[in-house]
């Protein structure tokens, strides 16, 4: 539910969700929000990251990169992303977000430049 329905990690502590799970299986205890944020999500991230880098390492031709800044009306923060694009051995278009980070300050050219350098080095 967290990843498929874009639910927050806190759903595991919501009263309705806890009651639903107890009704379905009263003998099991529900993992905590901390368990998901510190164990499950990082483990999934490492697995996907490894697969992406393995595929990128096998690229025989060229990689291209794009960046974008995403913003929303509900938050003052923006998100800066770096995406790689390539063709695999079957000439299928592939892409992956290599890095994304929150921009906490006003999006001036100087600030964006400094954050862009940070995205490229991490």
PDB file of N, CA and C in Angstrom:
ATOM      1  N   UNK A   1       0.810  -1.196   0.000  1.00  0.00           N
ATOM      2  CA  UNK A   1       0.000   0.000   0.000  1.00  0.00           C
ATOM      3  C   UNK A   1       0.852   1.258   0.000  1.00  0.00           C
ATOM      4  N   UNK A   2       1.955   1.198   0.720  1.00  0.00           N
ATOM      5  CA  UNK A   2       2.801   2.384   0.813  1.00  0.00           C
ATOM      6  C   UNK A   2       3.301   2.785  -0.566  1.00  0.00           C
ATOM      7  N   UNK A   3       3.827   1.836  -1.323  1.00  0.00           N
ATOM      8  CA  UNK A   3       4.367   2.190  -2.637  1.00  0.00           C
ATOM      9  C   UNK A   3       3.306   2.197  -3.733  1.00  0.00           C
ATOM     10  N   UNK A   4       2.392   1.272  -3.719  1.00  0.00           N
ATOM     11  CA  UNK A   4       1.391   1.188  -4.783  1.00  0.00           C
ATOM     12  C   UNK A   4       0.388   2.338  -4.713  1.00  0.00           C
ATOM     13  N   UNK A   5      -0.082   2.651  -3.505  1.00  0.00           N
ATOM     14  CA  UNK A   5      -1.103   3.686  -3.336  1.00  0.00           C
ATOM     15  C   UNK A   5      -0.540   5.021  -2.864  1.00  0.00           C
ATOM     16  N   UNK A   6       0.778   5.139  -2.834  1.00  0.00           N
ATOM     17  CA  UNK A   6       1.441   6.370  -2.376  1.00  0.00           C
ATOM     18  C   UNK A   6       0.980   6.786  -0.982  1.00  0.00           C
ATOM     19  N   UNK A   7       0.859   5.805  -0.110  1.00  0.00           N
ATOM     20  CA  UNK A   7       0.482   6.087   1.274  1.00  0.00           C
ATOM     21  C   UNK A   7       1.727   6.461   2.072  1.00  0.00           C
ATOM     22  N   UNK A   8       1.574   7.314   3.077  1.00  0.00           N
ATOM     23  CA  UNK A   8       2.732   7.652   3.914  1.00  0.00           C
ATOM     24  C   UNK A   8       3.099   6.468   4.809  1.00  0.00           C
ATOM     25  N   UNK A   9       4.341   6.452   5.261  1.00  0.00           N
ATOM     26  CA  UNK A   9       4.788   5.383   6.161  1.00  0.00           C
ATOM     27  C   UNK A   9       3.937   5.333   7.423  1.00  0.00           C
ATOM     28  N   UNK A  10       3.398   6.464   7.821  1.00  0.00           N
ATOM     29  CA  UNK A  10       2.614   6.533   9.056  1.00  0.00           C
ATOM     30  C   UNK A  10       1.324   5.721   8.980  1.00  0.00           C
ATOM     31  N   UNK A  11       0.951   5.223   7.812  1.00  0.00           N
ATOM     32  CA  UNK A  11      -0.273   4.419   7.705  1.00  0.00           C
ATOM     33  C   UNK A  11      -0.215   3.213   8.634  1.00  0.00           C
ATOM     34  N   UNK A  12       0.973   2.716   8.917  1.00  0.00           N
ATOM     35  CA  UNK A  12       1.093   1.524   9.766  1.00  0.00           C
ATOM     36  C   UNK A  12       0.715   1.812  11.210  1.00  0.00           C
ATOM     37  N   UNK A  13       0.575   3.090  11.574  1.00  0.00           N
ATOM     38  CA  UNK A  13       0.140   3.440  12.931  1.00  0.00           C
ATOM     39  C   UNK A  13      -1.269   4.033  12.944  1.00  0.00           C
ATOM     40  N   UNK A  14      -1.894   4.188  11.779  1.00  0.00           N
ATOM     41  CA  UNK A  14      -3.264   4.709  11.724  1.00  0.00           C
ATOM     42  C   UNK A  14      -4.220   3.704  12.362  1.00  0.00           C
ATOM     43  N   UNK A  15      -5.133   4.210  13.190  1.00  0.00           N
ATOM     44  CA  UNK A  15      -6.049   3.352  13.946  1.00  0.00           C
ATOM     45  C   UNK A  15      -6.854   2.438  13.024  1.00  0.00           C
ATOM     46  N   UNK A  16      -7.409   2.982  11.964  1.00  0.00           N
ATOM     47  CA  UNK A  16      -8.220   2.172  11.052  1.00  0.00           C
ATOM     48  C   UNK A  16      -7.436   1.054  10.399  1.00  0.00           C
ATOM     49  N   UNK A  17      -6.207   1.347  10.002  1.00  0.00           N
ATOM     50  CA  UNK A  17      -5.365   0.344   9.356  1.00  0.00           C
ATOM     51  C   UNK A  17      -4.992  -0.755  10.344  1.00  0.00           C
ATOM     52  N   UNK A  18      -4.634  -0.363  11.559  1.00  0.00           N
ATOM     53  CA  UNK A  18      -4.272  -1.336  12.594  1.00  0.00           C
ATOM     54  C   UNK A  18      -5.468  -2.235  12.910  1.00  0.00           C
ATOM     55  N   UNK A  19      -6.663  -1.647  13.029  1.00  0.00           N
ATOM     56  CA  UNK A  19      -7.868  -2.440  13.297  1.00  0.00           C
ATOM     57  C   UNK A  19      -8.161  -3.412  12.158  1.00  0.00           C
ATOM     58  N   UNK A  20      -7.993  -2.961  10.930  1.00  0.00           N
ATOM     59  CA  UNK A  20      -8.213  -3.822   9.772  1.00  0.00           C
ATOM     60  C   UNK A  20      -7.285  -5.033   9.820  1.00  0.00           C
ATOM     61  N   UNK A  21      -6.013  -4.795  10.088  1.00  0.00           N
ATOM     62  CA  UNK A  21      -5.064  -5.908  10.123  1.00  0.00           C
ATOM     63  C   UNK A  21      -5.331  -6.847  11.289  1.00  0.00           C
ATOM     64  N   UNK A  22      -5.726  -6.289  12.433  1.00  0.00           N
ATOM     65  CA  UNK A  22      -6.043  -7.151  13.578  1.00  0.00           C
ATOM     66  C   UNK A  22      -7.248  -8.028  13.271  1.00  0.00           C
ATOM     67  N   UNK A  23      -8.225  -7.465  12.561  1.00  0.00           N
ATOM     68  CA  UNK A  23      -9.409  -8.248  12.198  1.00  0.00           C
ATOM     69  C   UNK A  23      -9.038  -9.369  11.231  1.00  0.00           C
ATOM     70  N   UNK A  24      -8.086  -9.105  10.368  1.00  0.00           N
ATOM     71  CA  UNK A  24      -7.673 -10.105   9.381  1.00  0.00           C
ATOM     72  C   UNK A  24      -6.760 -11.162   9.990  1.00  0.00           C
ATOM     73  N   UNK A  25      -5.862 -10.762  10.849  1.00  0.00           N
ATOM     74  CA  UNK A  25      -4.873 -11.683  11.417  1.00  0.00           C
ATOM     75  C   UNK A  25      -4.468 -11.160  12.786  1.00  0.00           C
ATOM     76  N   UNK A  26      -5.165 -11.600  13.806  1.00  0.00           N
ATOM     77  CA  UNK A  26      -4.946 -11.052  15.144  1.00  0.00           C
ATOM     78  C   UNK A  26      -3.659 -11.540  15.798  1.00  0.00           C
ATOM     79  N   UNK A  27      -3.050 -12.597  15.294  1.00  0.00           N
ATOM     80  CA  UNK A  27      -1.842 -13.133  15.936  1.00  0.00           C
ATOM     81  C   UNK A  27      -0.565 -12.424  15.511  1.00  0.00           C
ATOM     82  N   UNK A  28      -0.614 -11.674  14.448  1.00  0.00           N
ATOM     83  CA  UNK A  28       0.594 -11.010  13.940  1.00  0.00           C
ATOM     84  C   UNK A  28       0.662  -9.566  14.410  1.00  0.00           C
ATOM     85  N   UNK A  29       1.884  -9.111  14.659  1.00  0.00           N
ATOM     86  CA  UNK A  29       2.066  -7.695  14.997  1.00  0.00           C
ATOM     87  C   UNK A  29       2.555  -6.964  13.749  1.00  0.00           C
ATOM     88  N   UNK A  30       2.156  -5.726  13.638  1.00  0.00           N
ATOM     89  CA  UNK A  30       2.481  -4.918  12.471  1.00  0.00           C
ATOM     90  C   UNK A  30       3.849  -4.265  12.642  1.00  0.00           C
ATOM     91  N   UNK A  31       4.716  -4.337  11.635  1.00  0.00           N
ATOM     92  CA  UNK A  31       6.003  -3.639  11.726  1.00  0.00           C
ATOM     93  C   UNK A  31       5.780  -2.133  11.887  1.00  0.00           C
ATOM     94  N   UNK A  32       6.707  -1.489  12.546  1.00  0.00           N
ATOM     95  CA  UNK A  32       6.589  -0.053  12.822  1.00  0.00           C
ATOM     96  C   UNK A  32       6.965   0.788  11.608  1.00  0.00           C
ATOM     97  N   UNK A  33       6.623   2.054  11.690  1.00  0.00           N
ATOM     98  CA  UNK A  33       7.012   3.019  10.657  1.00  0.00           C
ATOM     99  C   UNK A  33       8.537   3.057  10.536  1.00  0.00           C
ATOM    100  N   UNK A  34       9.214   3.015  11.691  1.00  0.00           N
ATOM    101  CA  UNK A  34      10.680   3.043  11.710  1.00  0.00           C
ATOM    102  C   UNK A  34      11.252   1.837  10.956  1.00  0.00           C
ATOM    103  N   UNK A  35      10.625   0.679  11.108  1.00  0.00           N
ATOM    104  CA  UNK A  35      11.075  -0.525  10.410  1.00  0.00           C
ATOM    105  C   UNK A  35      11.032  -0.312   8.895  1.00  0.00           C
ATOM    106  N   UNK A  36       9.944   0.281   8.408  1.00  0.00           N
ATOM    107  CA  UNK A  36       9.827   0.533   6.970  1.00  0.00           C
ATOM    108  C   UNK A  36      10.839   1.566   6.495  1.00  0.00           C
ATOM    109  N   UNK A  37      10.992   2.662   7.257  1.00  0.00           N
ATOM    110  CA  UNK A  37      11.882   3.741   6.807  1.00  0.00           C
ATOM    111  C   UNK A  37      13.355   3.388   6.950  1.00  0.00           C
ATOM    112  N   UNK A  38      13.701   2.551   7.923  1.00  0.00           N
ATOM    113  CA  UNK A  38      15.115   2.238   8.154  1.00  0.00           C
ATOM    114  C   UNK A  38      15.554   0.886   7.591  1.00  0.00           C
ATOM    115  N   UNK A  39      14.617  -0.002   7.337  1.00  0.00           N
ATOM    116  CA  UNK A  39      14.987  -1.340   6.877  1.00  0.00           C
ATOM    117  C   UNK A  39      14.430  -1.663   5.481  1.00  0.00           C
ATOM    118  N   UNK A  40      13.140  -1.610   5.330  1.00  0.00           N
ATOM    119  CA  UNK A  40      12.502  -2.069   4.093  1.00  0.00           C
ATOM    120  C   UNK A  40      12.842  -1.171   2.911  1.00  0.00           C
ATOM    121  N   UNK A  41      12.574   0.123   3.038  1.00  0.00           N
ATOM    122  CA  UNK A  41      12.798   1.043   1.920  1.00  0.00           C
ATOM    123  C   UNK A  41      14.279   1.102   1.534  1.00  0.00           C
ATOM    124  N   UNK A  42      15.221   1.236   2.493  1.00  0.00           N
ATOM    125  CA  UNK A  42      16.638   1.226   2.094  1.00  0.00           C
ATOM    126  C   UNK A  42      17.056  -0.077   1.403  1.00  0.00           C
ATOM    127  N   UNK A  43      16.508  -1.200   1.831  1.00  0.00           N
ATOM    128  CA  UNK A  43      16.836  -2.475   1.193  1.00  0.00           C
ATOM    129  C   UNK A  43      16.324  -2.510  -0.248  1.00  0.00           C
ATOM    130  N   UNK A  44      15.107  -2.053  -0.456  1.00  0.00           N
ATOM    131  CA  UNK A  44      14.556  -1.989  -1.813  1.00  0.00           C
ATOM    132  C   UNK A  44      15.385  -1.036  -2.665  1.00  0.00           C
ATOM    133  N   UNK A  45      15.749   0.107  -2.084  1.00  0.00           N
ATOM    134  CA  UNK A  45      16.543   1.112  -2.806  1.00  0.00           C
ATOM    135  C   UNK A  45      17.881   0.538  -3.257  1.00  0.00           C
ATOM    136  N   UNK A  46      18.571  -0.158  -2.348  1.00  0.00           N
ATOM    137  CA  UNK A  46      19.869  -0.747  -2.699  1.00  0.00           C
ATOM    138  C   UNK A  46      19.730  -1.754  -3.834  1.00  0.00           C
ATOM    139  N   UNK A  47      18.695  -2.564  -3.793  1.00  0.00           N
ATOM    140  CA  UNK A  47      18.488  -3.557  -4.843  1.00  0.00           C
ATOM    141  C   UNK A  47      18.230  -2.916  -6.200  1.00  0.00           C
ATOM    142  N   UNK A  48      17.364  -1.926  -6.224  1.00  0.00           N
ATOM    143  CA  UNK A  48      17.059  -1.241  -7.483  1.00  0.00           C
ATOM    144  C   UNK A  48      18.268  -0.468  -7.974  1.00  0.00           C
ATOM    145  N   UNK A  49      18.956   0.214  -7.069  1.00  0.00           N
ATOM    146  CA  UNK A  49      20.143   0.984  -7.444  1.00  0.00           C
ATOM    147  C   UNK A  49      21.197   0.077  -8.076  1.00  0.00           C
ATOM    148  N   UNK A  50      21.401  -1.088  -7.499  1.00  0.00           N
ATOM    149  CA  UNK A  50      22.368  -2.036  -8.053  1.00  0.00           C
ATOM    150  C   UNK A  50      21.992  -2.480  -9.455  1.00  0.00           C
ATOM    151  N   UNK A  51      20.712  -2.750  -9.667  1.00  0.00           N
ATOM    152  CA  UNK A  51      20.242  -3.155 -10.995  1.00  0.00           C
ATOM    153  C   UNK A  51      20.418  -2.038 -12.018  1.00  0.00           C
ATOM    154  N   UNK A  52      20.113  -0.807 -11.621  1.00  0.00           N
ATOM    155  CA  UNK A  52      20.257   0.335 -12.536  1.00  0.00           C
ATOM    156  C   UNK A  52      21.714   0.512 -12.929  1.00  0.00           C
ATOM    157  N   UNK A  53      22.621   0.501 -11.940  1.00  0.00           N
ATOM    158  CA  UNK A  53      24.040   0.706 -12.248  1.00  0.00           C
ATOM    159  C   UNK A  53      24.604  -0.445 -13.075  1.00  0.00           C
ATOM    160  N   UNK A  54      24.094  -1.655 -12.849  1.00  0.00           N
ATOM    161  CA  UNK A  54      24.525  -2.801 -13.651  1.00  0.00           C
ATOM    162  C   UNK A  54      24.100  -2.608 -15.108  1.00  0.00           C
ATOM    163  N   UNK A  55      22.890  -2.135 -15.314  1.00  0.00           N
ATOM    164  CA  UNK A  55      22.421  -1.903 -16.677  1.00  0.00           C
ATOM    165  C   UNK A  55      23.193  -0.763 -17.336  1.00  0.00           C
ATOM    166  N   UNK A  56      23.443   0.303 -16.581  1.00  0.00           N
ATOM    167  CA  UNK A  56      24.196   1.434 -17.138  1.00  0.00           C
ATOM    168  C   UNK A  56      25.618   1.006 -17.495  1.00  0.00           C
ATOM    169  N   UNK A  57      26.224   0.164 -16.668  1.00  0.00           N
ATOM    170  CA  UNK A  57      27.587  -0.302 -16.943  1.00  0.00           C
ATOM    171  C   UNK A  57      27.656  -1.096 -18.244  1.00  0.00           C
ATOM    172  N   UNK A  58      26.539  -1.701 -18.649  1.00  0.00           N
ATOM    173  CA  UNK A  58      26.513  -2.481 -19.875  1.00  0.00           C
ATOM    174  C   UNK A  58      26.155  -1.689 -21.121  1.00  0.00           C
ATOM    175  N   UNK A  59      25.964  -0.386 -20.973  1.00  0.00           N
ATOM    176  CA  UNK A  59      25.607   0.442 -22.131  1.00  0.00           C
ATOM    177  C   UNK A  59      26.794   0.500 -23.083  1.00  0.00           C
ATOM    178  N   UNK A  60      26.570   0.153 -24.347  1.00  0.00           N
ATOM    179  CA  UNK A  60      27.657   0.101 -25.323  1.00  0.00           C
ATOM    180  C   UNK A  60      27.800   1.394 -26.107  1.00  0.00           C
ATOM    181  N   UNK A  61      26.779   2.209 -26.103  1.00  0.00           N
ATOM    182  CA  UNK A  61      26.830   3.433 -26.898  1.00  0.00           C
ATOM    183  C   UNK A  61      26.948   4.648 -25.988  1.00  0.00           C
ATOM    184  N   UNK A  62      26.009   5.499 -26.001  1.00  0.00           N
ATOM    185  CA  UNK A  62      26.110   6.759 -25.279  1.00  0.00           C
ATOM    186  C   UNK A  62      25.023   6.884 -24.220  1.00  0.00           C
ATOM    187  N   UNK A  63      25.372   7.626 -23.207  1.00  0.00           N
ATOM    188  CA  UNK A  63      24.407   8.030 -22.188  1.00  0.00           C
ATOM    189  C   UNK A  63      24.130   9.513 -22.376  1.00  0.00           C
ATOM    190  N   UNK A  64      22.922   9.919 -22.145  1.00  0.00           N
ATOM    191  CA  UNK A  64      22.631  11.352 -22.097  1.00  0.00           C
ATOM    192  C   UNK A  64      21.967  11.633 -20.756  1.00  0.00           C
ATOM    193  N   UNK A  65      22.060  12.861 -20.329  1.00  0.00           N
ATOM    194  CA  UNK A  65      21.543  13.242 -19.019  1.00  0.00           C
ATOM    195  C   UNK A  65      20.627  14.444 -19.143  1.00  0.00           C
ATOM    196  N   UNK A  66      19.593  14.449 -18.339  1.00  0.00           N
ATOM    197  CA  UNK A  66      18.726  15.617 -18.239  1.00  0.00           C
ATOM    198  C   UNK A  66      18.558  15.966 -16.772  1.00  0.00           C
ATOM    199  N   UNK A  67      18.284  17.215 -16.532  1.00  0.00           N
ATOM    200  CA  UNK A  67      17.953  17.655 -15.181  1.00  0.00           C
ATOM    201  C   UNK A  67      16.619  18.373 -15.247  1.00  0.00           C
ATOM    202  N   UNK A  68      15.966  18.414 -14.117  1.00  0.00           N
ATOM    203  CA  UNK A  68      14.699  19.122 -14.040  1.00  0.00           C
ATOM    204  C   UNK A  68      14.507  19.604 -12.615  1.00  0.00           C
ATOM    205  N   UNK A  69      13.731  20.647 -12.482  1.00  0.00           N
ATOM    206  CA  UNK A  69      13.341  21.131 -11.162  1.00  0.00           C
ATOM    207  C   UNK A  69      11.832  20.991 -11.072  1.00  0.00           C
ATOM    208  N   UNK A  70      11.401  20.286 -10.055  1.00  0.00           N
ATOM    209  CA  UNK A  70       9.982  20.043  -9.828  1.00  0.00           C
ATOM    210  C   UNK A  70       9.539  20.911  -8.662  1.00  0.00           C
ATOM    211  N   UNK A  71       8.381  21.499  -8.775  1.00  0.00           N
ATOM    212  CA  UNK A  71       7.848  22.292  -7.668  1.00  0.00           C
ATOM    213  C   UNK A  71       6.359  22.020  -7.527  1.00  0.00           C
ATOM    214  N   UNK A  72       5.829  22.409  -6.397  1.00  0.00           N
ATOM    215  CA  UNK A  72       4.414  22.205  -6.116  1.00  0.00           C
ATOM    216  C   UNK A  72       3.861  23.418  -5.391  1.00  0.00           C
ATOM    217  N   UNK A  73       2.600  23.626  -5.496  1.00  0.00           N
ATOM    218  CA  UNK A  73       1.974  24.774  -4.840  1.00  0.00           C
ATOM    219  C   UNK A  73       1.747  24.541  -3.352  1.00  0.00           C
ATOM    220  N   UNK A  74       1.865  23.303  -2.878  1.00  0.00           N
ATOM    221  CA  UNK A  74       1.612  23.013  -1.469  1.00  0.00           C
ATOM    222  C   UNK A  74       2.872  23.066  -0.606  1.00  0.00           C
ATOM    223  N   UNK A  75       4.019  23.285  -1.209  1.00  0.00           N
ATOM    224  CA  UNK A  75       5.274  23.343  -0.457  1.00  0.00           C
ATOM    225  C   UNK A  75       6.175  24.404  -1.065  1.00  0.00           C
ATOM    226  N   UNK A  76       6.978  25.022  -0.223  1.00  0.00           N
ATOM    227  CA  UNK A  76       7.942  26.005  -0.715  1.00  0.00           C
ATOM    228  C   UNK A  76       9.188  25.341  -1.285  1.00  0.00           C
ATOM    229  N   UNK A  77       9.366  24.064  -1.001  1.00  0.00           N
ATOM    230  CA  UNK A  77      10.542  23.346  -1.480  1.00  0.00           C
ATOM    231  C   UNK A  77      10.342  22.880  -2.918  1.00  0.00           C
ATOM    232  N   UNK A  78      11.447  22.755  -3.637  1.00  0.00           N
ATOM    233  CA  UNK A  78      11.450  22.190  -4.989  1.00  0.00           C
ATOM    234  C   UNK A  78      12.350  20.964  -4.976  1.00  0.00           C
ATOM    235  N   UNK A  79      12.328  20.201  -6.040  1.00  0.00           N
ATOM    236  CA  UNK A  79      13.141  18.999  -6.152  1.00  0.00           C
ATOM    237  C   UNK A  79      13.958  19.077  -7.431  1.00  0.00           C
ATOM    238  N   UNK A  80      15.267  18.906  -7.304  1.00  0.00           N
ATOM    239  CA  UNK A  80      16.183  18.891  -8.443  1.00  0.00           C
ATOM    240  C   UNK A  80      16.526  17.437  -8.749  1.00  0.00           C
ATOM    241  N   UNK A  81      16.337  17.022 -10.001  1.00  0.00           N
ATOM    242  CA  UNK A  81      16.614  15.629 -10.355  1.00  0.00           C
ATOM    243  C   UNK A  81      17.621  15.538 -11.495  1.00  0.00           C
ATOM    244  N   UNK A  82      18.358  14.432 -11.504  1.00  0.00           N
ATOM    245  CA  UNK A  82      19.296  14.093 -12.575  1.00  0.00           C
ATOM    246  C   UNK A  82      18.874  12.732 -13.124  1.00  0.00           C
ATOM    247  N   UNK A  83      18.587  12.676 -14.418  1.00  0.00           N
ATOM    248  CA  UNK A  83      18.109  11.451 -15.051  1.00  0.00           C
ATOM    249  C   UNK A  83      19.050  11.046 -16.178  1.00  0.00           C
ATOM    250  N   UNK A  84      19.368   9.755 -16.249  1.00  0.00           N
ATOM    251  CA  UNK A  84      20.182   9.213 -17.343  1.00  0.00           C
ATOM    252  C   UNK A  84      19.254   8.563 -18.362  1.00  0.00           C
ATOM    253  N   UNK A  85      19.622   8.669 -19.640  1.00  0.00           N
ATOM    254  CA  UNK A  85      18.853   8.077 -20.737  1.00  0.00           C
ATOM    255  C   UNK A  85      19.825   7.305 -21.628  1.00  0.00           C
ATOM    256  N   UNK A  86      19.399   6.141 -22.122  1.00  0.00           N
ATOM    257  CA  UNK A  86      20.257   5.340 -22.983  1.00  0.00           C
ATOM    258  C   UNK A  86      19.413   4.341 -23.774  1.00  0.00           C
ATOM    259  N   UNK A  87      20.055   3.699 -24.728  1.00  0.00           N
ATOM    260  CA  UNK A  87      19.446   2.588 -25.459  1.00  0.00           C
ATOM    261  C   UNK A  87      20.110   1.306 -24.992  1.00  0.00           C
ATOM    262  N   UNK A  88      19.302   0.285 -24.696  1.00  0.00           N
ATOM    263  CA  UNK A  88      19.908  -0.987 -24.306  1.00  0.00           C
ATOM    264  C   UNK A  88      20.305  -1.773 -25.557  1.00  0.00           C
ATOM    265  N   UNK A  89      20.773  -2.993 -25.372  1.00  0.00           N
ATOM    266  CA  UNK A  89      21.254  -3.801 -26.503  1.00  0.00           C
ATOM    267  C   UNK A  89      20.158  -4.146 -27.507  1.00  0.00           C
ATOM    268  N   UNK A  90      18.897  -4.044 -27.092  1.00  0.00           N
ATOM    269  CA  UNK A  90      17.760  -4.298 -27.985  1.00  0.00           C
ATOM    270  C   UNK A  90      17.203  -2.998 -28.562  1.00  0.00           C
ATOM    271  N   UNK A  91      17.961  -1.930 -28.415  1.00  0.00           N
ATOM    272  CA  UNK A  91      17.572  -0.604 -28.896  1.00  0.00           C
ATOM    273  C   UNK A  91      16.263  -0.106 -28.275  1.00  0.00           C
ATOM    274  N   UNK A  92      16.033  -0.516 -27.028  1.00  0.00           N
ATOM    275  CA  UNK A  92      14.890  -0.008 -26.279  1.00  0.00           C
ATOM    276  C   UNK A  92      15.344   1.198 -25.472  1.00  0.00           C
ATOM    277  N   UNK A  93      14.511   2.237 -25.468  1.00  0.00           N
ATOM    278  CA  UNK A  93      14.845   3.422 -24.681  1.00  0.00           C
ATOM    279  C   UNK A  93      14.704   3.124 -23.199  1.00  0.00           C
ATOM    280  N   UNK A  94      15.700   3.513 -22.441  1.00  0.00           N
ATOM    281  CA  UNK A  94      15.702   3.324 -20.993  1.00  0.00           C
ATOM    282  C   UNK A  94      16.048   4.644 -20.332  1.00  0.00           C
ATOM    283  N   UNK A  95      15.582   4.817 -19.128  1.00  0.00           N
ATOM    284  CA  UNK A  95      15.968   5.990 -18.341  1.00  0.00           C
ATOM    285  C   UNK A  95      15.839   5.654 -16.870  1.00  0.00           C
ATOM    286  N   UNK A  96      16.593   6.377 -16.057  1.00  0.00           N
ATOM    287  CA  UNK A  96      16.548   6.181 -14.613  1.00  0.00           C
ATOM    288  C   UNK A  96      16.933   7.476 -13.924  1.00  0.00           C
ATOM    289  N   UNK A  97      16.225   7.797 -12.871  1.00  0.00           N
ATOM    290  CA  UNK A  97      16.599   8.944 -12.045  1.00  0.00           C
ATOM    291  C   UNK A  97      17.794   8.509 -11.209  1.00  0.00           C
ATOM    292  N   UNK A  98      18.915   9.181 -11.393  1.00  0.00           N
ATOM    293  CA  UNK A  98      20.142   8.831 -10.676  1.00  0.00           C
ATOM    294  C   UNK A  98      20.242   9.538  -9.343  1.00  0.00           C
ATOM    295  N   UNK A  99      19.657  10.711  -9.259  1.00  0.00           N
ATOM    296  CA  UNK A  99      19.731  11.475  -8.019  1.00  0.00           C
ATOM    297  C   UNK A  99      18.609  12.491  -8.009  1.00  0.00           C
ATOM    298  N   UNK A 100      18.145  12.791  -6.832  1.00  0.00           N
ATOM    299  CA  UNK A 100      17.155  13.850  -6.646  1.00  0.00           C
ATOM    300  C   UNK A 100      17.356  14.412  -5.254  1.00  0.00           C
ATOM    301  N   UNK A 101      17.260  15.711  -5.157  1.00  0.00           N
ATOM    302  CA  UNK A 101      17.393  16.307  -3.835  1.00  0.00           C
ATOM    303  C   UNK A 101      16.497  17.523  -3.715  1.00  0.00           C
ATOM    304  N   UNK A 102      16.133  17.797  -2.483  1.00  0.00           N
ATOM    305  CA  UNK A 102      15.250  18.913  -2.190  1.00  0.00           C
ATOM    306  C   UNK A 102      16.015  20.218  -2.231  1.00  0.00           C
ATOM    307  N   UNK A 103      15.410  21.221  -2.836  1.00  0.00           N
ATOM    308  CA  UNK A 103      15.955  22.580  -2.837  1.00  0.00           C
ATOM    309  C   UNK A 103      15.179  23.370  -1.787  1.00  0.00           C
ATOM    310  N   UNK A 104      15.877  23.823  -0.763  1.00  0.00           N
ATOM    311  CA  UNK A 104      15.213  24.486   0.357  1.00  0.00           C
ATOM    312  C   UNK A 104      15.231  26.005   0.254  1.00  0.00           C
ATOM    313  N   UNK A 105      16.011  26.536  -0.667  1.00  0.00           N
ATOM    314  CA  UNK A 105      16.142  27.988  -0.784  1.00  0.00           C
ATOM    315  C   UNK A 105      15.472  28.480  -2.062  1.00  0.00           C
ATOM    316  N   UNK A 106      15.466  29.795  -2.228  1.00  0.00           N
ATOM    317  CA  UNK A 106      14.923  30.389  -3.441  1.00  0.00           C
ATOM    318  C   UNK A 106      15.731  29.902  -4.640  1.00  0.00           C
ATOM    319  N   UNK A 107      15.062  29.616  -5.738  1.00  0.00           N
ATOM    320  CA  UNK A 107      15.712  29.040  -6.912  1.00  0.00           C
ATOM    321  C   UNK A 107      16.439  30.091  -7.746  1.00  0.00           C
ATOM    322  N   UNK A 108      17.489  30.657  -7.175  1.00  0.00           N
ATOM    323  CA  UNK A 108      18.322  31.591  -7.931  1.00  0.00           C
ATOM    324  C   UNK A 108      19.303  30.791  -8.778  1.00  0.00           C
ATOM    325  N   UNK A 109      19.859  31.409  -9.798  1.00  0.00           N
ATOM    326  CA  UNK A 109      20.829  30.727 -10.650  1.00  0.00           C
ATOM    327  C   UNK A 109      22.020  30.215  -9.869  1.00  0.00           C
ATOM    328  N   UNK A 110      22.517  31.028  -8.949  1.00  0.00           N
ATOM    329  CA  UNK A 110      23.686  30.639  -8.145  1.00  0.00           C
ATOM    330  C   UNK A 110      23.367  29.426  -7.270  1.00  0.00           C
ATOM    331  N   UNK A 111      22.209  29.444  -6.625  1.00  0.00           N
ATOM    332  CA  UNK A 111      21.827  28.328  -5.755  1.00  0.00           C
ATOM    333  C   UNK A 111      21.607  27.052  -6.573  1.00  0.00           C
ATOM    334  N   UNK A 112      20.898  27.159  -7.681  1.00  0.00           N
ATOM    335  CA  UNK A 112      20.657  25.989  -8.530  1.00  0.00           C
ATOM    336  C   UNK A 112      21.975  25.416  -9.027  1.00  0.00           C
ATOM    337  N   UNK A 113      22.914  26.269  -9.412  1.00  0.00           N
ATOM    338  CA  UNK A 113      24.228  25.814  -9.876  1.00  0.00           C
ATOM    339  C   UNK A 113      24.947  25.030  -8.784  1.00  0.00           C
ATOM    340  N   UNK A 114      24.931  25.543  -7.546  1.00  0.00           N
ATOM    341  CA  UNK A 114      25.619  24.849  -6.451  1.00  0.00           C
ATOM    342  C   UNK A 114      24.962  23.502  -6.162  1.00  0.00           C
ATOM    343  N   UNK A 115      23.638  23.445  -6.218  1.00  0.00           N
ATOM    344  CA  UNK A 115      22.937  22.196  -5.958  1.00  0.00           C
ATOM    345  C   UNK A 115      23.109  21.202  -7.110  1.00  0.00           C
ATOM    346  N   UNK A 116      23.180  21.715  -8.319  1.00  0.00           N
ATOM    347  CA  UNK A 116      23.412  20.871  -9.490  1.00  0.00           C
ATOM    348  C   UNK A 116      24.777  20.190  -9.375  1.00  0.00           C
ATOM    349  N   UNK A 117      25.795  20.944  -8.957  1.00  0.00           N
ATOM    350  CA  UNK A 117      27.126  20.355  -8.755  1.00  0.00           C
ATOM    351  C   UNK A 117      27.063  19.268  -7.693  1.00  0.00           C
ATOM    352  N   UNK A 118      26.279  19.498  -6.645  1.00  0.00           N
ATOM    353  CA  UNK A 118      26.133  18.516  -5.580  1.00  0.00           C
ATOM    354  C   UNK A 118      25.456  17.246  -6.104  1.00  0.00           C
ATOM    355  N   UNK A 119      24.418  17.401  -6.912  1.00  0.00           N
ATOM    356  CA  UNK A 119      23.721  16.251  -7.499  1.00  0.00           C
ATOM    357  C   UNK A 119      24.669  15.438  -8.376  1.00  0.00           C
ATOM    358  N   UNK A 120      25.523  16.105  -9.132  1.00  0.00           N
ATOM    359  CA  UNK A 120      26.453  15.410 -10.026  1.00  0.00           C
ATOM    360  C   UNK A 120      27.529  14.632  -9.280  1.00  0.00           C
ATOM    361  N   UNK A 121      27.893  15.076  -8.094  1.00  0.00           N
ATOM    362  CA  UNK A 121      28.976  14.420  -7.357  1.00  0.00           C
ATOM    363  C   UNK A 121      28.486  13.348  -6.394  1.00  0.00           C
ATOM    364  N   UNK A 122      27.198  13.208  -6.223  1.00  0.00           N
ATOM    365  CA  UNK A 122      26.681  12.187  -5.300  1.00  0.00           C
ATOM    366  C   UNK A 122      25.964  11.165  -6.079  1.00  0.00           C
TER     367      UNK A 122
END
